[in-house]
């Protein structure tokens, strides 16, 4: 009977260091975001994660000052302009940074978690980010429209 009332479920107890997940907005509320959280829990022994997607499109980067680590997500070796700004903020605050570089094969999601920022990561400006995500969305999210900006792209492979 309680299963019908999912909102009454007990929340999992938080453990581990406080982590800020810096991810591109196109990953908000997606299957990939859930997998990223599993990767963080497994590799950094923490489920204590600040998710900007929980706050909509509001800037919550001031919370970086409170965290132990920042995990920056790169898609196919590229940081979006938003992730770049948050990584720069974390660097100024001397926070430990991890990079999670993700890609996709037809069969699965592929990822590499590294301490620091690997040399191969490309830092995109606003224009490059817009162009990259325009191509990315056209290829992987065709048909989602504006819904994805606010709700995420739940129906797609990412």
C-alpha atoms as a PDB file:
ATOM      1  CA  UNK A   1       0.000   0.000   0.000  1.00  0.00           C
ATOM      2  CA  UNK A   2       2.799   2.448   0.846  1.00  0.00           C
ATOM      3  CA  UNK A   3       4.299   1.803  -2.581  1.00  0.00           C
ATOM      4  CA  UNK A   4       1.490   3.908  -4.017  1.00  0.00           C
ATOM      5  CA  UNK A   5       2.741   6.843  -1.989  1.00  0.00           C
ATOM      6  CA  UNK A   6       6.305   7.163  -3.301  1.00  0.00           C
ATOM      7  CA  UNK A   7       6.686  10.541  -1.648  1.00  0.00           C
ATOM      8  CA  UNK A   8       6.372   8.847   1.740  1.00  0.00           C
ATOM      9  CA  UNK A   9       9.415   6.660   1.130  1.00  0.00           C
ATOM     10  CA  UNK A  10      12.306   7.259   3.435  1.00  0.00           C
ATOM     11  CA  UNK A  11      15.160   9.082   1.785  1.00  0.00           C
ATOM     12  CA  UNK A  12      18.467   7.257   1.671  1.00  0.00           C
ATOM     13  CA  UNK A  13      20.851   8.380   4.322  1.00  0.00           C
ATOM     14  CA  UNK A  14      23.530  10.663   2.908  1.00  0.00           C
ATOM     15  CA  UNK A  15      27.139   9.606   3.320  1.00  0.00           C
ATOM     16  CA  UNK A  16      30.564  10.655   2.116  1.00  0.00           C
ATOM     17  CA  UNK A  17      32.123  13.986   1.255  1.00  0.00           C
ATOM     18  CA  UNK A  18      29.922  16.786  -0.086  1.00  0.00           C
ATOM     19  CA  UNK A  19      30.245  16.913  -3.879  1.00  0.00           C
ATOM     20  CA  UNK A  20      29.061  19.488  -6.409  1.00  0.00           C
ATOM     21  CA  UNK A  21      28.116  17.947  -9.758  1.00  0.00           C
ATOM     22  CA  UNK A  22      28.938  20.357 -12.566  1.00  0.00           C
ATOM     23  CA  UNK A  23      27.134  19.047 -15.627  1.00  0.00           C
ATOM     24  CA  UNK A  24      25.789  20.517 -18.862  1.00  0.00           C
ATOM     25  CA  UNK A  25      22.107  21.453 -18.633  1.00  0.00           C
ATOM     26  CA  UNK A  26      21.240  19.005 -21.413  1.00  0.00           C
ATOM     27  CA  UNK A  27      21.932  16.169 -18.960  1.00  0.00           C
ATOM     28  CA  UNK A  28      19.530  17.476 -16.303  1.00  0.00           C
ATOM     29  CA  UNK A  29      17.011  14.810 -15.221  1.00  0.00           C
ATOM     30  CA  UNK A  30      18.232  12.180 -17.686  1.00  0.00           C
ATOM     31  CA  UNK A  31      19.191   8.518 -17.431  1.00  0.00           C
ATOM     32  CA  UNK A  32      22.790   9.666 -17.797  1.00  0.00           C
ATOM     33  CA  UNK A  33      22.520  11.907 -14.739  1.00  0.00           C
ATOM     34  CA  UNK A  34      21.344   8.915 -12.697  1.00  0.00           C
ATOM     35  CA  UNK A  35      24.276   6.847 -13.977  1.00  0.00           C
ATOM     36  CA  UNK A  36      26.678   9.696 -13.136  1.00  0.00           C
ATOM     37  CA  UNK A  37      25.398   9.642  -9.547  1.00  0.00           C
ATOM     38  CA  UNK A  38      25.994   5.880  -9.401  1.00  0.00           C
ATOM     39  CA  UNK A  39      29.550   6.374 -10.737  1.00  0.00           C
ATOM     40  CA  UNK A  40      30.213   9.024  -8.082  1.00  0.00           C
ATOM     41  CA  UNK A  41      28.857   6.804  -5.315  1.00  0.00           C
ATOM     42  CA  UNK A  42      30.892   3.814  -6.472  1.00  0.00           C
ATOM     43  CA  UNK A  43      34.178   5.636  -7.142  1.00  0.00           C
ATOM     44  CA  UNK A  44      34.157   8.497  -4.616  1.00  0.00           C
ATOM     45  CA  UNK A  45      32.165   6.681  -1.908  1.00  0.00           C
ATOM     46  CA  UNK A  46      29.561   9.423  -1.612  1.00  0.00           C
ATOM     47  CA  UNK A  47      25.904   9.983  -2.344  1.00  0.00           C
ATOM     48  CA  UNK A  48      26.087  13.440  -0.761  1.00  0.00           C
ATOM     49  CA  UNK A  49      25.821  15.369  -4.036  1.00  0.00           C
ATOM     50  CA  UNK A  50      24.583  18.868  -4.811  1.00  0.00           C
ATOM     51  CA  UNK A  51      22.713  18.608  -8.114  1.00  0.00           C
ATOM     52  CA  UNK A  52      22.151  21.901  -9.931  1.00  0.00           C
ATOM     53  CA  UNK A  53      19.333  20.169 -11.839  1.00  0.00           C
ATOM     54  CA  UNK A  54      17.359  20.137  -8.577  1.00  0.00           C
ATOM     55  CA  UNK A  55      17.316  23.943  -8.707  1.00  0.00           C
ATOM     56  CA  UNK A  56      16.145  24.392 -12.315  1.00  0.00           C
ATOM     57  CA  UNK A  57      18.096  26.924 -14.338  1.00  0.00           C
ATOM     58  CA  UNK A  58      19.055  29.048 -11.304  1.00  0.00           C
ATOM     59  CA  UNK A  59      22.748  29.691 -10.709  1.00  0.00           C
ATOM     60  CA  UNK A  60      23.747  27.872  -7.530  1.00  0.00           C
ATOM     61  CA  UNK A  61      27.505  27.930  -8.132  1.00  0.00           C
ATOM     62  CA  UNK A  62      27.941  29.803  -4.821  1.00  0.00           C
ATOM     63  CA  UNK A  63      27.449  26.370  -3.189  1.00  0.00           C
ATOM     64  CA  UNK A  64      30.851  25.316  -4.589  1.00  0.00           C
ATOM     65  CA  UNK A  65      32.416  27.102  -1.620  1.00  0.00           C
ATOM     66  CA  UNK A  66      30.748  24.566   0.739  1.00  0.00           C
ATOM     67  CA  UNK A  67      31.838  21.334  -0.973  1.00  0.00           C
ATOM     68  CA  UNK A  68      34.785  18.986  -0.638  1.00  0.00           C
ATOM     69  CA  UNK A  69      34.936  18.032  -4.341  1.00  0.00           C
ATOM     70  CA  UNK A  70      33.623  19.192  -7.669  1.00  0.00           C
ATOM     71  CA  UNK A  71      32.924  16.576 -10.343  1.00  0.00           C
ATOM     72  CA  UNK A  72      32.976  18.206 -13.782  1.00  0.00           C
ATOM     73  CA  UNK A  73      31.207  16.328 -16.572  1.00  0.00           C
ATOM     74  CA  UNK A  74      32.625  16.434 -20.086  1.00  0.00           C
ATOM     75  CA  UNK A  75      30.671  15.048 -23.029  1.00  0.00           C
ATOM     76  CA  UNK A  76      32.977  13.492 -25.599  1.00  0.00           C
ATOM     77  CA  UNK A  77      35.947  15.300 -24.029  1.00  0.00           C
ATOM     78  CA  UNK A  78      34.329  18.758 -23.983  1.00  0.00           C
ATOM     79  CA  UNK A  79      33.399  21.026 -21.092  1.00  0.00           C
ATOM     80  CA  UNK A  80      30.403  23.270 -21.783  1.00  0.00           C
ATOM     81  CA  UNK A  81      30.816  26.973 -21.004  1.00  0.00           C
ATOM     82  CA  UNK A  82      28.751  26.493 -17.810  1.00  0.00           C
ATOM     83  CA  UNK A  83      31.003  23.672 -16.608  1.00  0.00           C
ATOM     84  CA  UNK A  84      34.065  25.797 -17.464  1.00  0.00           C
ATOM     85  CA  UNK A  85      32.804  28.645 -15.248  1.00  0.00           C
ATOM     86  CA  UNK A  86      32.099  26.282 -12.359  1.00  0.00           C
ATOM     87  CA  UNK A  87      35.496  24.570 -12.683  1.00  0.00           C
ATOM     88  CA  UNK A  88      37.220  27.975 -12.653  1.00  0.00           C
ATOM     89  CA  UNK A  89      35.304  28.887  -9.497  1.00  0.00           C
ATOM     90  CA  UNK A  90      36.327  25.597  -7.847  1.00  0.00           C
ATOM     91  CA  UNK A  91      39.965  26.199  -8.817  1.00  0.00           C
ATOM     92  CA  UNK A  92      39.915  29.670  -7.232  1.00  0.00           C
ATOM     93  CA  UNK A  93      38.506  28.117  -4.048  1.00  0.00           C
ATOM     94  CA  UNK A  94      41.190  25.371  -4.111  1.00  0.00           C
ATOM     95  CA  UNK A  95      38.606  22.590  -4.295  1.00  0.00           C
ATOM     96  CA  UNK A  96      39.563  19.084  -5.364  1.00  0.00           C
ATOM     97  CA  UNK A  97      38.304  18.525  -8.918  1.00  0.00           C
ATOM     98  CA  UNK A  98      37.443  15.296 -10.683  1.00  0.00           C
ATOM     99  CA  UNK A  99      36.593  15.049 -14.372  1.00  0.00           C
ATOM    100  CA  UNK A 100      34.035  12.567 -15.618  1.00  0.00           C
ATOM    101  CA  UNK A 101      34.405  12.269 -19.389  1.00  0.00           C
ATOM    102  CA  UNK A 102      31.440  10.442 -20.892  1.00  0.00           C
ATOM    103  CA  UNK A 103      30.615   9.150 -24.339  1.00  0.00           C
ATOM    104  CA  UNK A 104      28.215   6.677 -25.819  1.00  0.00           C
ATOM    105  CA  UNK A 105      28.544   3.596 -27.964  1.00  0.00           C
ATOM    106  CA  UNK A 106      25.487   1.940 -29.502  1.00  0.00           C
ATOM    107  CA  UNK A 107      25.593  -0.573 -26.645  1.00  0.00           C
ATOM    108  CA  UNK A 108      26.390   1.521 -23.586  1.00  0.00           C
ATOM    109  CA  UNK A 109      27.625   4.631 -21.875  1.00  0.00           C
ATOM    110  CA  UNK A 110      31.401   4.843 -21.637  1.00  0.00           C
ATOM    111  CA  UNK A 111      33.110   6.925 -18.989  1.00  0.00           C
ATOM    112  CA  UNK A 112      36.487   7.838 -17.577  1.00  0.00           C
ATOM    113  CA  UNK A 113      36.744   9.375 -14.109  1.00  0.00           C
ATOM    114  CA  UNK A 114      40.030  11.158 -13.452  1.00  0.00           C
ATOM    115  CA  UNK A 115      41.366  13.245 -10.629  1.00  0.00           C
ATOM    116  CA  UNK A 116      42.058  16.763 -11.917  1.00  0.00           C
ATOM    117  CA  UNK A 117      41.457  17.839 -15.494  1.00  0.00           C
ATOM    118  CA  UNK A 118      43.009  15.674 -18.226  1.00  0.00           C
ATOM    119  CA  UNK A 119      44.908  17.515 -20.957  1.00  0.00           C
ATOM    120  CA  UNK A 120      42.628  16.258 -23.737  1.00  0.00           C
ATOM    121  CA  UNK A 121      39.580  18.111 -22.356  1.00  0.00           C
ATOM    122  CA  UNK A 122      38.437  20.965 -24.599  1.00  0.00           C
ATOM    123  CA  UNK A 123      37.163  24.072 -22.852  1.00  0.00           C
ATOM    124  CA  UNK A 124      34.313  25.538 -24.916  1.00  0.00           C
ATOM    125  CA  UNK A 125      33.141  29.132 -24.875  1.00  0.00           C
ATOM    126  CA  UNK A 126      29.439  30.064 -25.124  1.00  0.00           C
ATOM    127  CA  UNK A 127      29.378  30.027 -28.934  1.00  0.00           C
ATOM    128  CA  UNK A 128      31.188  26.682 -29.194  1.00  0.00           C
ATOM    129  CA  UNK A 129      28.874  25.220 -26.548  1.00  0.00           C
ATOM    130  CA  UNK A 130      25.804  26.404 -28.453  1.00  0.00           C
ATOM    131  CA  UNK A 131      27.101  24.901 -31.715  1.00  0.00           C
ATOM    132  CA  UNK A 132      28.135  21.607 -30.077  1.00  0.00           C
ATOM    133  CA  UNK A 133      24.836  21.152 -28.268  1.00  0.00           C
ATOM    134  CA  UNK A 134      22.907  22.198 -31.364  1.00  0.00           C
ATOM    135  CA  UNK A 135      24.534  19.328 -33.264  1.00  0.00           C
ATOM    136  CA  UNK A 136      24.293  17.017 -30.260  1.00  0.00           C
ATOM    137  CA  UNK A 137      20.595  17.715 -29.726  1.00  0.00           C
ATOM    138  CA  UNK A 138      19.779  17.408 -33.423  1.00  0.00           C
ATOM    139  CA  UNK A 139      21.519  14.022 -33.545  1.00  0.00           C
ATOM    140  CA  UNK A 140      20.540  12.482 -30.208  1.00  0.00           C
ATOM    141  CA  UNK A 141      17.437  14.332 -29.077  1.00  0.00           C
ATOM    142  CA  UNK A 142      15.489  15.049 -32.264  1.00  0.00           C
ATOM    143  CA  UNK A 143      11.847  15.719 -31.492  1.00  0.00           C
ATOM    144  CA  UNK A 144      12.250  16.832 -27.896  1.00  0.00           C
ATOM    145  CA  UNK A 145      11.677  20.522 -28.535  1.00  0.00           C
ATOM    146  CA  UNK A 146      11.764  23.033 -25.717  1.00  0.00           C
ATOM    147  CA  UNK A 147      10.414  20.498 -23.241  1.00  0.00           C
ATOM    148  CA  UNK A 148      13.952  19.268 -22.695  1.00  0.00           C
ATOM    149  CA  UNK A 149      15.184  22.639 -21.499  1.00  0.00           C
ATOM    150  CA  UNK A 150      12.931  22.418 -18.479  1.00  0.00           C
ATOM    151  CA  UNK A 151      12.294  18.722 -17.938  1.00  0.00           C
ATOM    152  CA  UNK A 152      15.364  17.046 -19.376  1.00  0.00           C
ATOM    153  CA  UNK A 153      15.450  14.543 -22.197  1.00  0.00           C
ATOM    154  CA  UNK A 154      14.053  11.531 -20.356  1.00  0.00           C
ATOM    155  CA  UNK A 155      12.885   9.591 -23.400  1.00  0.00           C
ATOM    156  CA  UNK A 156      16.259   9.316 -25.095  1.00  0.00           C
ATOM    157  CA  UNK A 157      19.354   7.210 -24.721  1.00  0.00           C
ATOM    158  CA  UNK A 158      21.306   9.886 -22.847  1.00  0.00           C
END
